[in-house]
Amino acid sequence: MNALAIQPLNPPILPAATGNYTHGVQVNGAGRLVFVSGQVPWADGQGQIPAAFEDQCRMVWRNVLAVAAG
């Protein structure tokens, strides 16, 4: 059986996670799994949220993809 390696994922474009939290976790074993925590539409870690819903959706997906990229 392969040992699992667990790596926290905190991309620099997102604000630092507080406490014992992380934006995502990568688990390596027989394959690669990425678990992404709830993301919000923060723009470049500034804490600013775009006004338009469509822009908020784009920002959330950008943040999710940044975490998934590891």
C-alpha atoms as a PDB file:
ATOM      1  CA  MET A   1       0.000   0.000   0.000  1.00  0.00           C
ATOM      2  CA  ASN A   2       1.268   3.491  -0.853  1.00  0.00           C
ATOM      3  CA  ALA A   3       1.792   6.006   1.925  1.00  0.00           C
ATOM      4  CA  LEU A   4      -0.290   9.154   1.590  1.00  0.00           C
ATOM      5  CA  ALA A   5       1.427  12.521   1.476  1.00  0.00           C
ATOM      6  CA  ILE A   6      -0.792  15.429   2.521  1.00  0.00           C
ATOM      7  CA  GLN A   7       0.182  18.953   1.487  1.00  0.00           C
ATOM      8  CA  PRO A   8      -1.678  22.167   2.374  1.00  0.00           C
ATOM      9  CA  LEU A   9      -2.415  24.475  -0.572  1.00  0.00           C
ATOM     10  CA  ASN A  10      -2.326  28.221   0.039  1.00  0.00           C
ATOM     11  CA  PRO A  11      -1.666  30.093  -3.221  1.00  0.00           C
ATOM     12  CA  PRO A  12      -0.066  33.533  -2.821  1.00  0.00           C
ATOM     13  CA  ILE A  13      -2.892  35.281  -4.719  1.00  0.00           C
ATOM     14  CA  LEU A  14      -5.296  34.471  -1.866  1.00  0.00           C
ATOM     15  CA  PRO A  15      -5.266  36.004   1.607  1.00  0.00           C
ATOM     16  CA  ALA A  16      -3.607  33.881   4.259  1.00  0.00           C
ATOM     17  CA  ALA A  17      -5.911  31.331   5.831  1.00  0.00           C
ATOM     18  CA  THR A  18      -6.450  31.921   9.535  1.00  0.00           C
ATOM     19  CA  GLY A  19      -5.996  29.521  12.412  1.00  0.00           C
ATOM     20  CA  ASN A  20      -5.488  25.900  11.433  1.00  0.00           C
ATOM     21  CA  TYR A  21      -7.296  26.344   8.128  1.00  0.00           C
ATOM     22  CA  THR A  22      -5.983  26.073   4.587  1.00  0.00           C
ATOM     23  CA  HIS A  23      -7.512  26.939   1.205  1.00  0.00           C
ATOM     24  CA  GLY A  24      -7.072  23.392   0.001  1.00  0.00           C
ATOM     25  CA  VAL A  25      -5.281  20.117   0.564  1.00  0.00           C
ATOM     26  CA  GLN A  26      -3.473  17.908  -1.915  1.00  0.00           C
ATOM     27  CA  VAL A  27      -3.291  14.189  -1.153  1.00  0.00           C
ATOM     28  CA  ASN A  28      -0.750  12.132  -3.077  1.00  0.00           C
ATOM     29  CA  GLY A  29      -0.804   8.353  -3.030  1.00  0.00           C
ATOM     30  CA  ALA A  30      -1.723   6.139  -5.950  1.00  0.00           C
ATOM     31  CA  GLY A  31      -2.969   9.343  -7.615  1.00  0.00           C
ATOM     32  CA  ARG A  32      -3.473  13.024  -6.851  1.00  0.00           C
ATOM     33  CA  LEU A  33      -6.574  14.331  -5.100  1.00  0.00           C
ATOM     34  CA  VAL A  34      -7.213  17.999  -4.361  1.00  0.00           C
ATOM     35  CA  PHE A  35      -9.815  19.123  -1.841  1.00  0.00           C
ATOM     36  CA  VAL A  36     -10.756  22.804  -2.054  1.00  0.00           C
ATOM     37  CA  SER A  37     -12.434  24.610   0.819  1.00  0.00           C
ATOM     38  CA  GLY A  38     -15.138  27.227   0.354  1.00  0.00           C
ATOM     39  CA  GLN A  39     -13.891  30.115  -1.741  1.00  0.00           C
ATOM     40  CA  VAL A  40     -15.239  33.644  -1.875  1.00  0.00           C
ATOM     41  CA  PRO A  41     -14.832  36.305  -4.580  1.00  0.00           C
ATOM     42  CA  TRP A  42     -11.925  38.193  -3.011  1.00  0.00           C
ATOM     43  CA  ALA A  43     -10.006  40.128  -5.633  1.00  0.00           C
ATOM     44  CA  ASP A  44      -6.261  39.500  -5.396  1.00  0.00           C
ATOM     45  CA  GLY A  45      -6.275  39.077  -1.638  1.00  0.00           C
ATOM     46  CA  GLN A  46      -7.453  42.649  -1.092  1.00  0.00           C
ATOM     47  CA  GLY A  47     -10.758  41.635   0.476  1.00  0.00           C
ATOM     48  CA  GLN A  48     -12.624  43.569  -2.213  1.00  0.00           C
ATOM     49  CA  ILE A  49     -15.660  41.858  -3.721  1.00  0.00           C
ATOM     50  CA  PRO A  50     -16.724  42.713  -7.284  1.00  0.00           C
ATOM     51  CA  ALA A  51     -20.175  44.317  -7.519  1.00  0.00           C
ATOM     52  CA  ALA A  52     -21.543  42.259 -10.430  1.00  0.00           C
ATOM     53  CA  PHE A  53     -22.611  38.661  -9.787  1.00  0.00           C
ATOM     54  CA  GLU A  54     -20.904  37.464 -12.986  1.00  0.00           C
ATOM     55  CA  ASP A  55     -17.610  39.028 -11.868  1.00  0.00           C
ATOM     56  CA  GLN A  56     -17.981  37.387  -8.459  1.00  0.00           C
ATOM     57  CA  CYS A  57     -18.432  34.000 -10.147  1.00  0.00           C
ATOM     58  CA  ARG A  58     -15.341  34.549 -12.286  1.00  0.00           C
ATOM     59  CA  MET A  59     -13.314  35.514  -9.215  1.00  0.00           C
ATOM     60  CA  VAL A  60     -14.457  32.454  -7.248  1.00  0.00           C
ATOM     61  CA  TRP A  61     -13.507  30.136 -10.115  1.00  0.00           C
ATOM     62  CA  ARG A  62     -10.159  31.886 -10.491  1.00  0.00           C
ATOM     63  CA  ASN A  63      -9.530  31.249  -6.783  1.00  0.00           C
ATOM     64  CA  VAL A  64     -10.630  27.600  -7.020  1.00  0.00           C
ATOM     65  CA  LEU A  65      -8.322  27.031 -10.009  1.00  0.00           C
ATOM     66  CA  ALA A  66      -5.428  28.702  -8.169  1.00  0.00           C
ATOM     67  CA  VAL A  67      -5.862  26.276  -5.264  1.00  0.00           C
ATOM     68  CA  ALA A  68      -6.254  23.268  -7.576  1.00  0.00           C
ATOM     69  CA  ALA A  69      -3.070  24.209  -9.448  1.00  0.00           C
ATOM     70  CA  GLY A  70      -1.222  23.607  -6.202  1.00  0.00           C
END
